[in-house]
Amino acid sequence: MDLDVLLVEDSPGDVRLTQEAFREANMAKHLPNTSIHLHVAADGVEAMSFLRQEDSWMNAPRPDLILLDLNLPRMDGREVLALIKSDPDLKTIPTVILTTSEAEADIVKSYQLQANCYLSKPVQLEAFESLVRSINDFWLTKVKLPQRRPNG
């Protein structure tokens, strides 16, 4: 079985850290016979193109999980979250906010927009890697995700 994760992140450093943590999760084989594929969109416009399978993303898979930063260029994460959760075809995809913001207003707004979870990115490298491993363990191992539609 393949699991597809869409990471919406504009920081190349955070993308690299997340990729490495997912690579480790694949090698650890917490999920026998499962491969985790991480796809990256650098801004909100690109994320929506990926999710809607538009332009260069026509063959993009439907993600099983979305990791969404709030502070993005072109279209911020709040706008992306609102679009995802208002779209009947996308709203069942679990969407985890993964951001540097610890502002109460961002937390409240994210949950009002139906985020499934809100996580603040730690500044320390080891803590960040640990958080991504926790996301893998919880969302991709323990949680029952909706089955993909045959065309998805």
N, C-alpha and C. Protein backbone atom coordinates (compact mmCIF):
# COMPACT_ATOMS: atom_id res chain seq x y z
N MET A 1 0.84 -1.18 0.00
CA MET A 1 0.00 0.00 0.00
C MET A 1 0.89 1.24 0.00
N ASP A 2 0.47 2.24 -0.74
CA ASP A 2 1.16 3.51 -0.77
C ASP A 2 0.34 4.56 -0.05
N LEU A 3 1.02 5.38 0.74
CA LEU A 3 0.39 6.52 1.38
C LEU A 3 1.02 7.78 0.81
N ASP A 4 0.20 8.73 0.42
CA ASP A 4 0.68 9.99 -0.14
C ASP A 4 0.41 11.11 0.84
N VAL A 5 1.46 11.90 1.09
CA VAL A 5 1.37 13.03 2.00
C VAL A 5 1.75 14.28 1.21
N LEU A 6 0.92 15.30 1.30
CA LEU A 6 1.23 16.58 0.69
C LEU A 6 1.75 17.53 1.77
N LEU A 7 2.99 17.97 1.61
CA LEU A 7 3.58 18.96 2.50
C LEU A 7 3.51 20.31 1.80
N VAL A 8 2.82 21.26 2.41
CA VAL A 8 2.72 22.62 1.86
C VAL A 8 3.61 23.49 2.73
N GLU A 9 4.80 23.79 2.20
CA GLU A 9 5.85 24.44 3.00
C GLU A 9 6.76 25.23 2.08
N ASP A 10 7.04 26.49 2.45
CA ASP A 10 7.91 27.33 1.62
C ASP A 10 9.34 27.40 2.12
N SER A 11 9.64 26.84 3.29
CA SER A 11 11.00 26.88 3.81
C SER A 11 11.77 25.65 3.34
N PRO A 12 12.81 25.84 2.50
CA PRO A 12 13.58 24.69 2.02
C PRO A 12 14.19 23.86 3.15
N GLY A 13 14.58 24.51 4.23
CA GLY A 13 15.15 23.79 5.37
C GLY A 13 14.13 22.87 6.03
N ASP A 14 12.92 23.38 6.22
CA ASP A 14 11.86 22.57 6.82
C ASP A 14 11.43 21.44 5.89
N VAL A 15 11.45 21.71 4.58
CA VAL A 15 11.14 20.64 3.61
C VAL A 15 12.16 19.53 3.73
N ARG A 16 13.45 19.89 3.77
CA ARG A 16 14.52 18.88 3.88
C ARG A 16 14.38 18.06 5.16
N LEU A 17 14.14 18.73 6.28
CA LEU A 17 13.97 18.03 7.55
C LEU A 17 12.79 17.06 7.50
N THR A 18 11.70 17.51 6.93
CA THR A 18 10.51 16.66 6.84
C THR A 18 10.77 15.47 5.92
N GLN A 19 11.42 15.73 4.78
CA GLN A 19 11.76 14.63 3.87
C GLN A 19 12.62 13.59 4.56
N GLU A 20 13.61 14.04 5.31
CA GLU A 20 14.50 13.11 6.00
C GLU A 20 13.74 12.29 7.05
N ALA A 21 12.86 12.94 7.79
CA ALA A 21 12.07 12.22 8.80
C ALA A 21 11.15 11.19 8.15
N PHE A 22 10.58 11.52 7.01
CA PHE A 22 9.73 10.55 6.31
C PHE A 22 10.56 9.41 5.74
N ARG A 23 11.77 9.73 5.26
CA ARG A 23 12.67 8.68 4.76
C ARG A 23 12.98 7.69 5.88
N GLU A 24 13.27 8.22 7.06
CA GLU A 24 13.54 7.36 8.22
C GLU A 24 12.32 6.51 8.57
N ALA A 25 11.14 7.11 8.48
CA ALA A 25 9.91 6.36 8.79
C ALA A 25 9.71 5.22 7.80
N ASN A 26 10.01 5.47 6.52
CA ASN A 26 9.91 4.42 5.51
C ASN A 26 10.87 3.29 5.82
N MET A 27 12.10 3.64 6.22
CA MET A 27 13.12 2.62 6.50
C MET A 27 12.81 1.87 7.78
N ALA A 28 12.16 2.53 8.74
CA ALA A 28 11.85 1.88 10.01
C ALA A 28 10.77 0.82 9.85
N LYS A 29 10.00 0.93 8.80
CA LYS A 29 8.96 -0.05 8.48
C LYS A 29 7.96 -0.25 9.60
N HIS A 30 7.50 0.89 10.16
CA HIS A 30 6.41 0.80 11.13
C HIS A 30 5.16 0.27 10.44
N LEU A 31 5.11 0.49 9.13
CA LEU A 31 3.97 0.03 8.34
C LEU A 31 4.48 -0.99 7.33
N PRO A 32 4.41 -2.28 7.63
CA PRO A 32 4.88 -3.29 6.68
C PRO A 32 4.14 -3.18 5.35
N ASN A 33 4.86 -3.36 4.27
CA ASN A 33 4.30 -3.32 2.92
C ASN A 33 3.67 -1.97 2.57
N THR A 34 4.15 -0.92 3.21
CA THR A 34 3.63 0.42 2.96
C THR A 34 4.78 1.36 2.63
N SER A 35 4.57 2.19 1.63
CA SER A 35 5.53 3.23 1.30
C SER A 35 4.86 4.58 1.47
N ILE A 36 5.57 5.50 2.10
CA ILE A 36 5.07 6.86 2.28
C ILE A 36 5.73 7.74 1.23
N HIS A 37 4.91 8.40 0.42
CA HIS A 37 5.42 9.29 -0.62
C HIS A 37 5.10 10.73 -0.22
N LEU A 38 6.14 11.53 -0.08
CA LEU A 38 5.97 12.92 0.32
C LEU A 38 6.03 13.81 -0.92
N HIS A 39 4.98 14.58 -1.13
CA HIS A 39 4.91 15.52 -2.24
C HIS A 39 4.98 16.92 -1.63
N VAL A 40 5.63 17.85 -2.32
CA VAL A 40 5.84 19.18 -1.76
C VAL A 40 5.27 20.26 -2.67
N ALA A 41 4.50 21.16 -2.07
CA ALA A 41 4.04 22.37 -2.75
C ALA A 41 4.62 23.55 -1.97
N ALA A 42 5.22 24.50 -2.67
CA ALA A 42 5.94 25.60 -2.02
C ALA A 42 5.06 26.78 -1.64
N ASP A 43 3.81 26.79 -2.09
CA ASP A 43 2.90 27.88 -1.71
C ASP A 43 1.46 27.39 -1.84
N GLY A 44 0.54 28.23 -1.42
CA GLY A 44 -0.86 27.83 -1.42
C GLY A 44 -1.45 27.63 -2.81
N VAL A 45 -1.03 28.44 -3.77
CA VAL A 45 -1.53 28.30 -5.14
C VAL A 45 -1.10 26.94 -5.71
N GLU A 46 0.16 26.59 -5.50
CA GLU A 46 0.66 25.30 -5.97
C GLU A 46 -0.05 24.15 -5.26
N ALA A 47 -0.32 24.30 -3.97
CA ALA A 47 -1.03 23.26 -3.22
C ALA A 47 -2.42 23.02 -3.80
N MET A 48 -3.14 24.08 -4.11
CA MET A 48 -4.48 23.90 -4.66
C MET A 48 -4.42 23.31 -6.06
N SER A 49 -3.42 23.65 -6.85
CA SER A 49 -3.25 23.03 -8.17
C SER A 49 -3.01 21.53 -8.02
N PHE A 50 -2.18 21.16 -7.04
CA PHE A 50 -1.90 19.75 -6.77
C PHE A 50 -3.21 19.04 -6.39
N LEU A 51 -3.94 19.61 -5.44
CA LEU A 51 -5.16 18.96 -4.94
C LEU A 51 -6.25 18.87 -6.00
N ARG A 52 -6.30 19.84 -6.89
CA ARG A 52 -7.31 19.85 -7.95
C ARG A 52 -6.81 19.19 -9.23
N GLN A 53 -5.57 18.72 -9.20
CA GLN A 53 -4.94 18.04 -10.34
C GLN A 53 -4.97 18.93 -11.59
N GLU A 54 -4.49 20.15 -11.40
CA GLU A 54 -4.45 21.13 -12.48
C GLU A 54 -3.02 21.33 -12.98
N ASP A 55 -2.91 21.86 -14.19
CA ASP A 55 -1.64 22.25 -14.78
C ASP A 55 -0.64 21.09 -14.75
N SER A 56 0.53 21.31 -14.19
CA SER A 56 1.57 20.26 -14.18
C SER A 56 1.26 19.16 -13.17
N TRP A 57 0.18 19.30 -12.42
CA TRP A 57 -0.21 18.31 -11.40
C TRP A 57 -1.36 17.42 -11.86
N MET A 58 -1.58 17.31 -13.17
CA MET A 58 -2.72 16.53 -13.67
C MET A 58 -2.72 15.08 -13.19
N ASN A 59 -1.55 14.51 -12.96
CA ASN A 59 -1.46 13.11 -12.52
C ASN A 59 -1.12 12.99 -11.04
N ALA A 60 -1.29 14.07 -10.30
CA ALA A 60 -0.98 14.04 -8.86
C ALA A 60 -1.95 13.11 -8.14
N PRO A 61 -1.43 12.35 -7.18
CA PRO A 61 -2.33 11.48 -6.41
C PRO A 61 -3.12 12.30 -5.39
N ARG A 62 -4.24 11.76 -4.98
CA ARG A 62 -4.99 12.39 -3.89
C ARG A 62 -4.24 12.06 -2.61
N PRO A 63 -3.83 13.08 -1.85
CA PRO A 63 -3.07 12.78 -0.62
C PRO A 63 -3.95 12.14 0.45
N ASP A 64 -3.32 11.31 1.25
CA ASP A 64 -3.99 10.72 2.40
C ASP A 64 -3.94 11.65 3.60
N LEU A 65 -2.97 12.59 3.57
CA LEU A 65 -2.75 13.53 4.66
C LEU A 65 -2.12 14.78 4.09
N ILE A 66 -2.52 15.94 4.63
CA ILE A 66 -1.92 17.22 4.23
C ILE A 66 -1.27 17.84 5.45
N LEU A 67 0.00 18.24 5.30
CA LEU A 67 0.72 19.00 6.32
C LEU A 67 0.82 20.42 5.78
N LEU A 68 0.20 21.36 6.46
CA LEU A 68 0.02 22.70 5.92
C LEU A 68 0.62 23.77 6.81
N ASP A 69 1.56 24.54 6.25
CA ASP A 69 2.09 25.71 6.94
C ASP A 69 1.08 26.84 6.78
N LEU A 70 1.03 27.75 7.72
CA LEU A 70 0.10 28.88 7.62
C LEU A 70 0.69 30.05 6.84
N ASN A 71 1.97 30.32 7.05
CA ASN A 71 2.59 31.51 6.47
C ASN A 71 3.26 31.16 5.15
N LEU A 72 2.48 31.29 4.09
CA LEU A 72 2.93 30.91 2.75
C LEU A 72 2.83 32.09 1.80
N PRO A 73 3.66 32.11 0.75
CA PRO A 73 3.53 33.15 -0.26
C PRO A 73 2.32 32.87 -1.18
N ARG A 74 1.90 33.88 -1.88
CA ARG A 74 0.83 33.84 -2.89
C ARG A 74 -0.56 33.55 -2.33
N MET A 75 -0.72 32.49 -1.55
CA MET A 75 -1.99 32.19 -0.88
C MET A 75 -1.62 31.54 0.44
N ASP A 76 -2.04 32.16 1.55
CA ASP A 76 -1.58 31.63 2.83
C ASP A 76 -2.34 30.37 3.24
N GLY A 77 -1.85 29.72 4.27
CA GLY A 77 -2.40 28.46 4.69
C GLY A 77 -3.84 28.53 5.18
N ARG A 78 -4.23 29.68 5.72
CA ARG A 78 -5.61 29.83 6.17
C ARG A 78 -6.56 29.77 4.98
N GLU A 79 -6.17 30.45 3.89
CA GLU A 79 -6.98 30.42 2.67
C GLU A 79 -7.03 29.01 2.08
N VAL A 80 -5.90 28.34 2.08
CA VAL A 80 -5.84 26.97 1.56
C VAL A 80 -6.74 26.07 2.39
N LEU A 81 -6.64 26.17 3.72
CA LEU A 81 -7.47 25.35 4.61
C LEU A 81 -8.95 25.60 4.35
N ALA A 82 -9.34 26.86 4.21
CA ALA A 82 -10.75 27.20 3.94
C ALA A 82 -11.21 26.57 2.63
N LEU A 83 -10.36 26.61 1.61
CA LEU A 83 -10.72 26.01 0.31
C LEU A 83 -10.84 24.49 0.41
N ILE A 84 -9.90 23.88 1.10
CA ILE A 84 -9.93 22.41 1.26
C ILE A 84 -11.21 21.99 1.96
N LYS A 85 -11.51 22.63 3.08
CA LYS A 85 -12.63 22.19 3.91
C LYS A 85 -13.99 22.61 3.36
N SER A 86 -14.00 23.49 2.35
CA SER A 86 -15.28 23.85 1.71
C SER A 86 -15.50 23.06 0.42
N ASP A 87 -14.54 22.24 0.03
CA ASP A 87 -14.64 21.46 -1.21
C ASP A 87 -15.09 20.04 -0.87
N PRO A 88 -16.25 19.61 -1.37
CA PRO A 88 -16.77 18.28 -1.04
C PRO A 88 -15.80 17.14 -1.39
N ASP A 89 -14.98 17.33 -2.42
CA ASP A 89 -14.04 16.29 -2.82
C ASP A 89 -12.76 16.27 -1.98
N LEU A 90 -12.47 17.35 -1.28
CA LEU A 90 -11.21 17.45 -0.54
C LEU A 90 -11.39 17.46 0.97
N LYS A 91 -12.57 17.81 1.45
CA LYS A 91 -12.74 18.08 2.88
C LYS A 91 -12.49 16.89 3.79
N THR A 92 -12.53 15.67 3.27
CA THR A 92 -12.28 14.50 4.12
C THR A 92 -10.79 14.19 4.27
N ILE A 93 -9.93 14.90 3.56
CA ILE A 93 -8.49 14.67 3.70
C ILE A 93 -8.04 15.31 5.01
N PRO A 94 -7.50 14.52 5.95
CA PRO A 94 -7.02 15.11 7.20
C PRO A 94 -5.96 16.18 6.92
N THR A 95 -6.15 17.33 7.53
CA THR A 95 -5.25 18.46 7.31
C THR A 95 -4.66 18.90 8.64
N VAL A 96 -3.35 18.75 8.76
CA VAL A 96 -2.61 19.07 9.97
C VAL A 96 -1.88 20.40 9.74
N ILE A 97 -2.13 21.36 10.60
CA ILE A 97 -1.40 22.62 10.54
C ILE A 97 -0.04 22.39 11.20
N LEU A 98 1.02 22.69 10.47
CA LEU A 98 2.39 22.55 10.95
C LEU A 98 3.08 23.87 10.68
N THR A 99 3.20 24.71 11.71
CA THR A 99 3.61 26.09 11.51
C THR A 99 4.47 26.59 12.66
N THR A 100 5.14 27.70 12.45
CA THR A 100 5.93 28.31 13.52
C THR A 100 5.06 29.16 14.44
N SER A 101 3.88 29.52 13.98
CA SER A 101 3.01 30.40 14.76
C SER A 101 2.47 29.70 16.00
N GLU A 102 2.59 30.39 17.13
CA GLU A 102 1.97 29.92 18.36
C GLU A 102 0.89 30.89 18.81
N ALA A 103 0.49 31.77 17.89
CA ALA A 103 -0.52 32.78 18.20
C ALA A 103 -1.88 32.13 18.43
N GLU A 104 -2.51 32.50 19.54
CA GLU A 104 -3.84 31.95 19.87
C GLU A 104 -4.84 32.21 18.75
N ALA A 105 -4.74 33.37 18.11
CA ALA A 105 -5.67 33.70 17.01
C ALA A 105 -5.51 32.71 15.85
N ASP A 106 -4.28 32.31 15.55
CA ASP A 106 -4.05 31.34 14.47
C ASP A 106 -4.58 29.96 14.84
N ILE A 107 -4.40 29.59 16.10
CA ILE A 107 -4.90 28.29 16.57
C ILE A 107 -6.42 28.25 16.47
N VAL A 108 -7.08 29.28 17.00
CA VAL A 108 -8.54 29.34 16.98
C VAL A 108 -9.05 29.36 15.54
N LYS A 109 -8.47 30.20 14.70
CA LYS A 109 -8.91 30.32 13.30
C LYS A 109 -8.74 28.99 12.57
N SER A 110 -7.64 28.28 12.80
CA SER A 110 -7.40 27.00 12.14
C SER A 110 -8.47 25.98 12.51
N TYR A 111 -8.81 25.92 13.79
CA TYR A 111 -9.86 24.98 14.21
C TYR A 111 -11.23 25.42 13.71
N GLN A 112 -11.48 26.74 13.65
CA GLN A 112 -12.74 27.22 13.09
C GLN A 112 -12.87 26.80 11.62
N LEU A 113 -11.73 26.75 10.93
CA LEU A 113 -11.72 26.34 9.52
C LEU A 113 -11.63 24.81 9.37
N GLN A 114 -11.78 24.10 10.48
CA GLN A 114 -11.86 22.64 10.52
C GLN A 114 -10.53 21.93 10.31
N ALA A 115 -9.43 22.53 10.77
CA ALA A 115 -8.16 21.81 10.78
C ALA A 115 -8.33 20.59 11.67
N ASN A 116 -7.66 19.50 11.32
CA ASN A 116 -7.75 18.28 12.13
C ASN A 116 -6.79 18.31 13.31
N CYS A 117 -5.78 19.16 13.23
CA CYS A 117 -4.76 19.20 14.27
C CYS A 117 -3.92 20.46 14.05
N TYR A 118 -3.38 21.02 15.13
CA TYR A 118 -2.53 22.21 15.04
C TYR A 118 -1.25 21.92 15.80
N LEU A 119 -0.12 21.95 15.10
CA LEU A 119 1.18 21.69 15.70
C LEU A 119 2.12 22.86 15.44
N SER A 120 2.85 23.28 16.47
CA SER A 120 3.86 24.33 16.30
C SER A 120 5.21 23.66 16.04
N LYS A 121 5.90 24.17 15.02
CA LYS A 121 7.22 23.63 14.68
C LYS A 121 8.22 24.03 15.76
N PRO A 122 8.92 23.05 16.31
CA PRO A 122 9.98 23.40 17.26
C PRO A 122 11.17 24.02 16.52
N VAL A 123 11.93 24.82 17.23
CA VAL A 123 13.10 25.47 16.64
C VAL A 123 14.29 24.50 16.58
N GLN A 124 14.41 23.65 17.58
CA GLN A 124 15.54 22.73 17.64
C GLN A 124 15.36 21.58 16.65
N LEU A 125 16.46 21.21 16.00
CA LEU A 125 16.45 20.18 14.96
C LEU A 125 15.90 18.85 15.49
N GLU A 126 16.43 18.38 16.61
CA GLU A 126 15.99 17.08 17.14
C GLU A 126 14.51 17.09 17.51
N ALA A 127 14.05 18.18 18.04
CA ALA A 127 12.64 18.29 18.42
C ALA A 127 11.75 18.29 17.17
N PHE A 128 12.22 18.95 16.11
CA PHE A 128 11.46 18.97 14.85
C PHE A 128 11.37 17.56 14.27
N GLU A 129 12.50 16.86 14.24
CA GLU A 129 12.50 15.48 13.72
C GLU A 129 11.59 14.59 14.55
N SER A 130 11.60 14.77 15.86
CA SER A 130 10.75 13.99 16.74
C SER A 130 9.27 14.27 16.46
N LEU A 131 8.94 15.52 16.23
CA LEU A 131 7.56 15.88 15.92
C LEU A 131 7.10 15.21 14.62
N VAL A 132 7.94 15.24 13.59
CA VAL A 132 7.57 14.61 12.32
C VAL A 132 7.43 13.10 12.49
N ARG A 133 8.30 12.49 13.29
CA ARG A 133 8.15 11.05 13.57
C ARG A 133 6.81 10.78 14.27
N SER A 134 6.43 11.67 15.17
CA SER A 134 5.14 11.52 15.87
C SER A 134 3.97 11.64 14.90
N ILE A 135 4.08 12.56 13.95
CA ILE A 135 3.03 12.69 12.92
C ILE A 135 2.92 11.38 12.15
N ASN A 136 4.08 10.85 11.72
CA ASN A 136 4.08 9.56 11.01
C ASN A 136 3.41 8.48 11.84
N ASP A 137 3.85 8.39 13.08
CA ASP A 137 3.36 7.33 13.95
C ASP A 137 1.85 7.43 14.17
N PHE A 138 1.38 8.63 14.45
CA PHE A 138 -0.05 8.79 14.74
C PHE A 138 -0.90 8.76 13.47
N TRP A 139 -0.64 9.69 12.54
CA TRP A 139 -1.52 9.86 11.39
C TRP A 139 -1.38 8.75 10.35
N LEU A 140 -0.21 8.15 10.23
CA LEU A 140 -0.03 7.15 9.17
C LEU A 140 0.03 5.72 9.69
N THR A 141 0.02 5.54 11.00
CA THR A 141 0.06 4.20 11.57
C THR A 141 -1.20 3.90 12.36
N LYS A 142 -1.59 4.81 13.23
CA LYS A 142 -2.69 4.53 14.16
C LYS A 142 -4.06 4.98 13.67
N VAL A 143 -4.13 6.11 13.00
CA VAL A 143 -5.39 6.67 12.56
C VAL A 143 -5.95 5.88 11.37
N LYS A 144 -7.24 5.68 11.37
CA LYS A 144 -7.93 5.09 10.21
C LYS A 144 -8.24 6.22 9.25
N LEU A 145 -7.63 6.18 8.08
CA LEU A 145 -7.84 7.22 7.07
C LEU A 145 -8.94 6.78 6.11
N PRO A 146 -9.67 7.74 5.52
CA PRO A 146 -10.69 7.36 4.56
C PRO A 146 -10.05 6.64 3.37
N GLN A 147 -10.74 5.62 2.88
CA GLN A 147 -10.22 4.92 1.71
C GLN A 147 -10.33 5.83 0.51
N ARG A 148 -9.38 5.68 -0.38
CA ARG A 148 -9.40 6.49 -1.60
C ARG A 148 -10.52 6.02 -2.52
N ARG A 149 -11.05 6.98 -3.23
CA ARG A 149 -12.03 6.62 -4.26
C ARG A 149 -11.29 5.92 -5.39
N PRO A 150 -11.96 5.07 -6.17
CA PRO A 150 -11.29 4.35 -7.25
C PRO A 150 -10.55 5.25 -8.23
N ASN A 151 -11.04 6.45 -8.49
CA ASN A 151 -10.35 7.35 -9.43
C ASN A 151 -9.31 8.19 -8.73
N GLY A 152 -9.18 8.10 -7.39
CA GLY A 152 -8.25 8.91 -6.62
C GLY A 152 -7.02 8.16 -6.36
